[in-house]
Amino acid sequence: MDQRVHVLTFATPDLDAARSFYCDGLHWNPLIDEPGEILFFQIAPGLVLGLFDANKFDRDLLREGSTDGVNGVTLSHNVATRDDVVTTLAELDALGGTILKPAQESAFGGIFHGHVADPNGLIWEIAHNPGWHIAESGTVAFE
């Protein structure tokens, strides 16, 4: 199997809240929007973020019961400056997100970051990492 991922899909207990946060709040344009079922967003070349209604997610996996959210996962968004971290966290909070960790120095190597949960609990890290670079080829390099 090639070393790549094409779709990240997360069970979402409230798809309407997710739509409001990502579409109305962040002004992201859905690639596909099937009300009551799933939202797909193109987030990078060849990479899609899916937010799937939790009940339908479980049926798709042939599971009984209910998926109640994502655990142990963080999506990270890198910004150009430390001030951008503070501003972006405040914007996401105003759009219905919940600040979990205010902007601060990370314990790991010169990163300035904070964490916010979307209305369904999906955690986003907003970070300024001066050692993070994306080459013209699209590959990531850490200094």
N, C-alpha and C. Protein backbone atom coordinates (compact mmCIF):
# COMPACT_ATOMS: atom_id res chain seq x y z
N MET A 1 0.85 -1.18 0.00
CA MET A 1 0.00 0.00 0.00
C MET A 1 0.89 1.24 0.00
N ASP A 2 0.55 2.22 -0.83
CA ASP A 2 1.29 3.47 -0.89
C ASP A 2 1.17 4.23 0.43
N GLN A 3 2.19 5.01 0.77
CA GLN A 3 2.18 5.80 1.99
C GLN A 3 1.45 7.11 1.75
N ARG A 4 0.11 7.05 1.82
CA ARG A 4 -0.70 8.25 1.64
C ARG A 4 -2.10 8.01 2.19
N VAL A 5 -2.76 9.08 2.50
CA VAL A 5 -4.15 9.06 2.95
C VAL A 5 -4.92 9.99 2.03
N HIS A 6 -6.11 9.55 1.61
CA HIS A 6 -6.92 10.36 0.71
C HIS A 6 -8.11 11.02 1.40
N VAL A 7 -8.66 10.35 2.41
CA VAL A 7 -9.84 10.87 3.10
C VAL A 7 -9.68 10.66 4.60
N LEU A 8 -9.91 11.71 5.37
CA LEU A 8 -10.02 11.63 6.83
C LEU A 8 -11.50 11.81 7.14
N THR A 9 -12.14 10.81 7.73
CA THR A 9 -13.57 10.89 8.02
C THR A 9 -13.78 10.77 9.52
N PHE A 10 -14.59 11.67 10.05
CA PHE A 10 -14.88 11.68 11.48
C PHE A 10 -16.38 11.61 11.69
N ALA A 11 -16.80 10.74 12.63
CA ALA A 11 -18.20 10.66 13.02
C ALA A 11 -18.57 11.97 13.71
N THR A 12 -19.73 12.50 13.36
CA THR A 12 -20.16 13.80 13.84
C THR A 12 -21.58 13.69 14.40
N PRO A 13 -21.75 13.84 15.71
CA PRO A 13 -23.08 13.71 16.30
C PRO A 13 -24.09 14.74 15.81
N ASP A 14 -23.62 15.94 15.44
CA ASP A 14 -24.53 17.00 14.99
C ASP A 14 -24.00 17.59 13.68
N LEU A 15 -24.42 17.00 12.57
CA LEU A 15 -23.93 17.43 11.26
C LEU A 15 -24.33 18.87 10.95
N ASP A 16 -25.49 19.31 11.41
CA ASP A 16 -25.91 20.69 11.16
C ASP A 16 -24.99 21.68 11.88
N ALA A 17 -24.58 21.36 13.11
CA ALA A 17 -23.64 22.23 13.83
C ALA A 17 -22.30 22.27 13.11
N ALA A 18 -21.86 21.12 12.60
CA ALA A 18 -20.61 21.07 11.84
C ALA A 18 -20.72 21.93 10.59
N ARG A 19 -21.82 21.81 9.87
CA ARG A 19 -22.03 22.60 8.65
C ARG A 19 -21.97 24.09 8.97
N SER A 20 -22.63 24.50 10.03
CA SER A 20 -22.64 25.91 10.42
C SER A 20 -21.22 26.38 10.76
N PHE A 21 -20.48 25.59 11.51
CA PHE A 21 -19.13 25.97 11.93
C PHE A 21 -18.19 26.07 10.74
N TYR A 22 -18.17 25.06 9.90
CA TYR A 22 -17.20 25.01 8.80
C TYR A 22 -17.64 25.85 7.59
N CYS A 23 -18.92 25.77 7.23
CA CYS A 23 -19.40 26.50 6.04
C CYS A 23 -19.70 27.96 6.35
N ASP A 24 -20.56 28.20 7.33
CA ASP A 24 -20.97 29.56 7.64
C ASP A 24 -19.88 30.32 8.40
N GLY A 25 -19.25 29.64 9.34
CA GLY A 25 -18.24 30.30 10.16
C GLY A 25 -16.89 30.44 9.49
N LEU A 26 -16.33 29.32 9.05
CA LEU A 26 -15.00 29.35 8.44
C LEU A 26 -15.05 29.68 6.95
N HIS A 27 -16.23 29.64 6.38
CA HIS A 27 -16.44 29.91 4.94
C HIS A 27 -15.74 28.89 4.05
N TRP A 28 -15.68 27.65 4.55
CA TRP A 28 -15.16 26.56 3.73
C TRP A 28 -16.27 26.14 2.76
N ASN A 29 -15.87 25.77 1.56
CA ASN A 29 -16.82 25.32 0.55
C ASN A 29 -16.81 23.80 0.49
N PRO A 30 -17.97 23.18 0.71
CA PRO A 30 -18.01 21.72 0.65
C PRO A 30 -17.79 21.20 -0.76
N LEU A 31 -17.07 20.11 -0.83
CA LEU A 31 -16.92 19.37 -2.07
C LEU A 31 -18.22 18.62 -2.34
N ILE A 32 -18.76 18.02 -1.28
CA ILE A 32 -20.05 17.32 -1.30
C ILE A 32 -20.76 17.66 0.01
N ASP A 33 -22.05 17.94 -0.07
CA ASP A 33 -22.86 18.20 1.11
C ASP A 33 -24.16 17.43 0.95
N GLU A 34 -24.25 16.31 1.63
CA GLU A 34 -25.47 15.50 1.64
C GLU A 34 -26.14 15.71 2.99
N PRO A 35 -27.14 16.60 3.08
CA PRO A 35 -27.79 16.88 4.36
C PRO A 35 -28.22 15.60 5.07
N GLY A 36 -27.96 15.57 6.38
CA GLY A 36 -28.32 14.40 7.18
C GLY A 36 -27.39 13.23 7.00
N GLU A 37 -26.36 13.37 6.17
CA GLU A 37 -25.47 12.24 5.92
C GLU A 37 -24.00 12.60 6.09
N ILE A 38 -23.46 13.44 5.17
CA ILE A 38 -22.01 13.68 5.19
C ILE A 38 -21.65 15.00 4.52
N LEU A 39 -20.57 15.58 5.00
CA LEU A 39 -19.94 16.76 4.38
C LEU A 39 -18.52 16.36 4.01
N PHE A 40 -18.09 16.74 2.81
CA PHE A 40 -16.70 16.54 2.41
C PHE A 40 -16.11 17.90 2.05
N PHE A 41 -14.89 18.15 2.52
CA PHE A 41 -14.16 19.37 2.19
C PHE A 41 -12.81 18.98 1.60
N GLN A 42 -12.46 19.58 0.47
CA GLN A 42 -11.12 19.42 -0.09
C GLN A 42 -10.19 20.24 0.79
N ILE A 43 -9.22 19.60 1.47
CA ILE A 43 -8.35 20.33 2.39
C ILE A 43 -6.90 20.39 1.93
N ALA A 44 -6.55 19.65 0.92
CA ALA A 44 -5.21 19.67 0.33
C ALA A 44 -5.28 18.89 -0.97
N PRO A 45 -4.26 19.03 -1.82
CA PRO A 45 -4.28 18.23 -3.05
C PRO A 45 -4.41 16.74 -2.73
N GLY A 46 -5.46 16.14 -3.24
CA GLY A 46 -5.67 14.71 -3.04
C GLY A 46 -6.12 14.32 -1.64
N LEU A 47 -6.52 15.30 -0.80
CA LEU A 47 -6.93 14.99 0.57
C LEU A 47 -8.26 15.66 0.89
N VAL A 48 -9.19 14.86 1.43
CA VAL A 48 -10.54 15.33 1.75
C VAL A 48 -10.82 15.05 3.23
N LEU A 49 -11.47 16.02 3.88
CA LEU A 49 -11.96 15.86 5.24
C LEU A 49 -13.44 15.55 5.16
N GLY A 50 -13.87 14.44 5.75
CA GLY A 50 -15.27 14.05 5.78
C GLY A 50 -15.83 14.15 7.18
N LEU A 51 -17.01 14.73 7.32
CA LEU A 51 -17.75 14.78 8.57
C LEU A 51 -19.04 14.02 8.33
N PHE A 52 -19.15 12.83 8.95
CA PHE A 52 -20.19 11.86 8.65
C PHE A 52 -21.14 11.78 9.84
N ASP A 53 -22.44 11.91 9.59
CA ASP A 53 -23.43 11.74 10.65
C ASP A 53 -23.12 10.47 11.44
N ALA A 54 -23.00 10.59 12.77
CA ALA A 54 -22.54 9.47 13.61
C ALA A 54 -23.39 8.21 13.47
N ASN A 55 -24.72 8.36 13.40
CA ASN A 55 -25.58 7.18 13.26
C ASN A 55 -25.33 6.47 11.94
N LYS A 56 -25.19 7.24 10.88
CA LYS A 56 -24.93 6.63 9.57
C LYS A 56 -23.51 6.09 9.48
N PHE A 57 -22.59 6.73 10.18
CA PHE A 57 -21.23 6.23 10.28
C PHE A 57 -21.23 4.81 10.85
N ASP A 58 -21.95 4.62 11.96
CA ASP A 58 -22.02 3.30 12.59
C ASP A 58 -22.69 2.27 11.67
N ARG A 59 -23.77 2.67 11.00
CA ARG A 59 -24.42 1.74 10.06
C ARG A 59 -23.49 1.35 8.94
N ASP A 60 -22.70 2.33 8.44
CA ASP A 60 -21.76 2.05 7.36
C ASP A 60 -20.71 1.03 7.80
N LEU A 61 -20.35 1.05 9.07
CA LEU A 61 -19.36 0.11 9.62
C LEU A 61 -20.00 -1.18 10.13
N LEU A 62 -21.33 -1.30 9.97
CA LEU A 62 -22.08 -2.46 10.45
C LEU A 62 -21.89 -2.66 11.95
N ARG A 63 -21.92 -1.53 12.70
CA ARG A 63 -21.75 -1.58 14.14
C ARG A 63 -23.07 -1.27 14.83
N GLU A 64 -23.27 -1.94 15.95
CA GLU A 64 -24.39 -1.62 16.81
C GLU A 64 -23.94 -0.51 17.76
N GLY A 65 -24.89 0.23 18.28
CA GLY A 65 -24.53 1.28 19.23
C GLY A 65 -24.28 2.60 18.54
N SER A 66 -23.57 3.44 19.25
CA SER A 66 -23.38 4.79 18.75
C SER A 66 -21.95 5.26 18.95
N THR A 67 -21.40 5.86 17.92
CA THR A 67 -20.11 6.51 18.03
C THR A 67 -20.37 7.86 18.68
N ASP A 68 -19.69 8.13 19.79
CA ASP A 68 -19.98 9.37 20.51
C ASP A 68 -18.91 10.43 20.33
N GLY A 69 -18.02 10.26 19.39
CA GLY A 69 -17.04 11.31 19.13
C GLY A 69 -15.66 10.75 18.87
N VAL A 70 -14.76 11.66 18.63
CA VAL A 70 -13.39 11.32 18.29
C VAL A 70 -12.53 11.44 19.53
N ASN A 71 -11.64 10.48 19.73
CA ASN A 71 -10.72 10.48 20.86
C ASN A 71 -9.29 10.38 20.37
N GLY A 72 -8.39 11.12 21.00
CA GLY A 72 -6.98 10.97 20.68
C GLY A 72 -6.57 11.45 19.31
N VAL A 73 -7.32 12.42 18.73
CA VAL A 73 -7.02 12.93 17.40
C VAL A 73 -7.01 14.45 17.45
N THR A 74 -6.02 15.04 16.82
CA THR A 74 -5.97 16.49 16.67
C THR A 74 -5.67 16.81 15.22
N LEU A 75 -6.44 17.71 14.63
CA LEU A 75 -6.13 18.24 13.32
C LEU A 75 -5.36 19.54 13.55
N SER A 76 -4.27 19.73 12.85
CA SER A 76 -3.44 20.92 13.06
C SER A 76 -3.50 21.84 11.86
N HIS A 77 -3.56 23.13 12.17
CA HIS A 77 -3.55 24.18 11.15
C HIS A 77 -2.43 25.14 11.50
N ASN A 78 -1.43 25.23 10.62
CA ASN A 78 -0.30 26.10 10.86
C ASN A 78 -0.57 27.48 10.29
N VAL A 79 -0.19 28.50 11.05
CA VAL A 79 -0.37 29.89 10.63
C VAL A 79 0.99 30.58 10.59
N ALA A 80 1.04 31.75 9.97
CA ALA A 80 2.31 32.43 9.69
C ALA A 80 2.97 33.07 10.90
N THR A 81 2.16 33.52 11.88
CA THR A 81 2.75 34.24 13.01
C THR A 81 2.11 33.80 14.33
N ARG A 82 2.78 34.17 15.40
CA ARG A 82 2.23 33.92 16.74
C ARG A 82 0.92 34.68 16.93
N ASP A 83 0.86 35.93 16.43
CA ASP A 83 -0.38 36.71 16.54
C ASP A 83 -1.53 36.03 15.81
N ASP A 84 -1.22 35.37 14.69
CA ASP A 84 -2.26 34.64 13.95
C ASP A 84 -2.84 33.50 14.78
N VAL A 85 -2.04 32.90 15.65
CA VAL A 85 -2.55 31.84 16.54
C VAL A 85 -3.63 32.43 17.44
N VAL A 86 -3.31 33.55 18.08
CA VAL A 86 -4.25 34.20 19.00
C VAL A 86 -5.52 34.61 18.27
N THR A 87 -5.37 35.25 17.13
CA THR A 87 -6.52 35.72 16.35
C THR A 87 -7.40 34.57 15.88
N THR A 88 -6.78 33.52 15.35
CA THR A 88 -7.55 32.38 14.83
C THR A 88 -8.30 31.67 15.94
N LEU A 89 -7.67 31.48 17.08
CA LEU A 89 -8.37 30.85 18.21
C LEU A 89 -9.58 31.69 18.63
N ALA A 90 -9.41 33.01 18.68
CA ALA A 90 -10.53 33.88 19.06
C ALA A 90 -11.66 33.79 18.04
N GLU A 91 -11.33 33.75 16.76
CA GLU A 91 -12.35 33.63 15.71
C GLU A 91 -13.11 32.31 15.84
N LEU A 92 -12.38 31.21 16.05
CA LEU A 92 -13.04 29.91 16.17
C LEU A 92 -13.91 29.84 17.41
N ASP A 93 -13.48 30.45 18.50
CA ASP A 93 -14.27 30.52 19.73
C ASP A 93 -15.57 31.29 19.46
N ALA A 94 -15.48 32.40 18.74
CA ALA A 94 -16.66 33.21 18.43
C ALA A 94 -17.63 32.50 17.50
N LEU A 95 -17.14 31.52 16.73
CA LEU A 95 -17.98 30.77 15.79
C LEU A 95 -18.63 29.54 16.41
N GLY A 96 -18.47 29.35 17.72
CA GLY A 96 -19.09 28.21 18.38
C GLY A 96 -18.11 27.14 18.80
N GLY A 97 -16.83 27.36 18.58
CA GLY A 97 -15.81 26.43 19.07
C GLY A 97 -15.60 26.65 20.56
N THR A 98 -14.83 25.77 21.16
CA THR A 98 -14.52 25.86 22.59
C THR A 98 -13.01 25.84 22.76
N ILE A 99 -12.45 26.89 23.33
CA ILE A 99 -11.01 26.92 23.58
C ILE A 99 -10.68 25.89 24.65
N LEU A 100 -9.79 24.96 24.32
CA LEU A 100 -9.35 23.94 25.26
C LEU A 100 -8.02 24.33 25.90
N LYS A 101 -7.18 25.00 25.11
CA LYS A 101 -5.86 25.44 25.57
C LYS A 101 -5.59 26.79 24.92
N PRO A 102 -5.50 27.86 25.71
CA PRO A 102 -5.22 29.16 25.10
C PRO A 102 -3.84 29.20 24.48
N ALA A 103 -3.61 30.16 23.61
CA ALA A 103 -2.33 30.30 22.92
C ALA A 103 -1.19 30.39 23.92
N GLN A 104 -0.15 29.57 23.69
CA GLN A 104 1.00 29.52 24.59
C GLN A 104 2.14 28.76 23.95
N GLU A 105 3.29 28.86 24.57
CA GLU A 105 4.45 28.08 24.12
C GLU A 105 4.16 26.61 24.33
N SER A 106 4.53 25.81 23.36
CA SER A 106 4.39 24.36 23.49
C SER A 106 5.56 23.81 24.29
N ALA A 107 5.35 22.67 24.87
CA ALA A 107 6.44 21.97 25.56
C ALA A 107 7.38 21.31 24.56
N PHE A 108 7.03 21.36 23.28
CA PHE A 108 7.78 20.66 22.25
C PHE A 108 8.38 21.62 21.24
N GLY A 109 9.61 21.98 21.37
CA GLY A 109 10.43 22.59 20.36
C GLY A 109 10.02 23.87 19.68
N GLY A 110 9.77 24.95 20.39
CA GLY A 110 9.61 26.25 19.77
C GLY A 110 8.30 26.51 19.07
N ILE A 111 7.31 25.70 19.30
CA ILE A 111 5.99 25.88 18.67
C ILE A 111 5.14 26.73 19.60
N PHE A 112 4.44 27.71 19.04
CA PHE A 112 3.47 28.52 19.77
C PHE A 112 2.11 28.07 19.28
N HIS A 113 1.24 27.62 20.20
CA HIS A 113 -0.02 27.02 19.75
C HIS A 113 -1.11 27.12 20.80
N GLY A 114 -2.31 26.73 20.39
CA GLY A 114 -3.46 26.58 21.26
C GLY A 114 -4.39 25.55 20.63
N HIS A 115 -5.38 25.12 21.40
CA HIS A 115 -6.31 24.10 20.91
C HIS A 115 -7.76 24.57 21.08
N VAL A 116 -8.57 24.24 20.09
CA VAL A 116 -9.99 24.58 20.11
C VAL A 116 -10.76 23.37 19.59
N ALA A 117 -11.92 23.11 20.19
CA ALA A 117 -12.79 22.03 19.73
C ALA A 117 -13.92 22.63 18.89
N ASP A 118 -14.25 21.96 17.78
CA ASP A 118 -15.40 22.40 17.00
C ASP A 118 -16.67 22.03 17.78
N PRO A 119 -17.87 22.39 17.31
CA PRO A 119 -19.08 22.13 18.10
C PRO A 119 -19.33 20.65 18.42
N ASN A 120 -18.70 19.73 17.69
CA ASN A 120 -18.87 18.30 17.96
C ASN A 120 -17.68 17.69 18.68
N GLY A 121 -16.72 18.52 19.11
CA GLY A 121 -15.61 18.02 19.89
C GLY A 121 -14.35 17.69 19.11
N LEU A 122 -14.35 17.85 17.79
CA LEU A 122 -13.16 17.60 17.00
C LEU A 122 -12.13 18.67 17.34
N ILE A 123 -10.95 18.25 17.77
CA ILE A 123 -9.94 19.18 18.28
C ILE A 123 -9.03 19.65 17.16
N TRP A 124 -8.88 20.97 17.10
CA TRP A 124 -7.97 21.63 16.16
C TRP A 124 -6.84 22.27 16.95
N GLU A 125 -5.61 22.02 16.53
CA GLU A 125 -4.46 22.76 17.05
C GLU A 125 -4.19 23.88 16.05
N ILE A 126 -4.10 25.10 16.55
CA ILE A 126 -3.70 26.24 15.74
C ILE A 126 -2.28 26.56 16.18
N ALA A 127 -1.34 26.50 15.23
CA ALA A 127 0.07 26.57 15.61
C ALA A 127 0.88 27.47 14.69
N HIS A 128 1.87 28.11 15.30
CA HIS A 128 2.94 28.78 14.54
C HIS A 128 4.19 27.96 14.83
N ASN A 129 4.71 27.32 13.80
CA ASN A 129 5.90 26.48 13.92
C ASN A 129 6.92 26.96 12.89
N PRO A 130 7.89 27.76 13.33
CA PRO A 130 8.85 28.31 12.37
C PRO A 130 9.71 27.25 11.71
N GLY A 131 9.71 26.03 12.23
CA GLY A 131 10.49 24.95 11.63
C GLY A 131 9.73 24.15 10.58
N TRP A 132 8.48 24.49 10.33
CA TRP A 132 7.61 23.78 9.39
C TRP A 132 7.68 24.45 8.03
N HIS A 133 8.00 23.68 7.01
CA HIS A 133 8.07 24.23 5.66
C HIS A 133 7.48 23.23 4.66
N ILE A 134 6.81 23.77 3.66
CA ILE A 134 6.26 22.94 2.59
C ILE A 134 7.02 23.30 1.32
N ALA A 135 7.66 22.32 0.74
CA ALA A 135 8.43 22.52 -0.50
C ALA A 135 7.49 22.66 -1.69
N GLU A 136 8.02 23.16 -2.80
CA GLU A 136 7.25 23.28 -4.04
C GLU A 136 6.60 21.94 -4.43
N SER A 137 7.27 20.84 -4.13
CA SER A 137 6.75 19.51 -4.45
C SER A 137 5.58 19.09 -3.56
N GLY A 138 5.35 19.86 -2.48
CA GLY A 138 4.29 19.52 -1.55
C GLY A 138 4.77 18.71 -0.37
N THR A 139 6.03 18.33 -0.34
CA THR A 139 6.55 17.57 0.79
C THR A 139 6.81 18.50 1.96
N VAL A 140 6.71 17.95 3.15
CA VAL A 140 6.89 18.70 4.39
C VAL A 140 8.31 18.48 4.89
N ALA A 141 8.90 19.56 5.36
CA ALA A 141 10.24 19.48 5.96
C ALA A 141 10.20 20.16 7.32
N PHE A 142 10.85 19.56 8.28
CA PHE A 142 11.00 20.14 9.62
C PHE A 142 12.46 20.52 9.80
N GLU A 143 12.70 21.70 10.31
CA GLU A 143 14.09 22.12 10.60
C GLU A 143 14.41 21.88 12.05
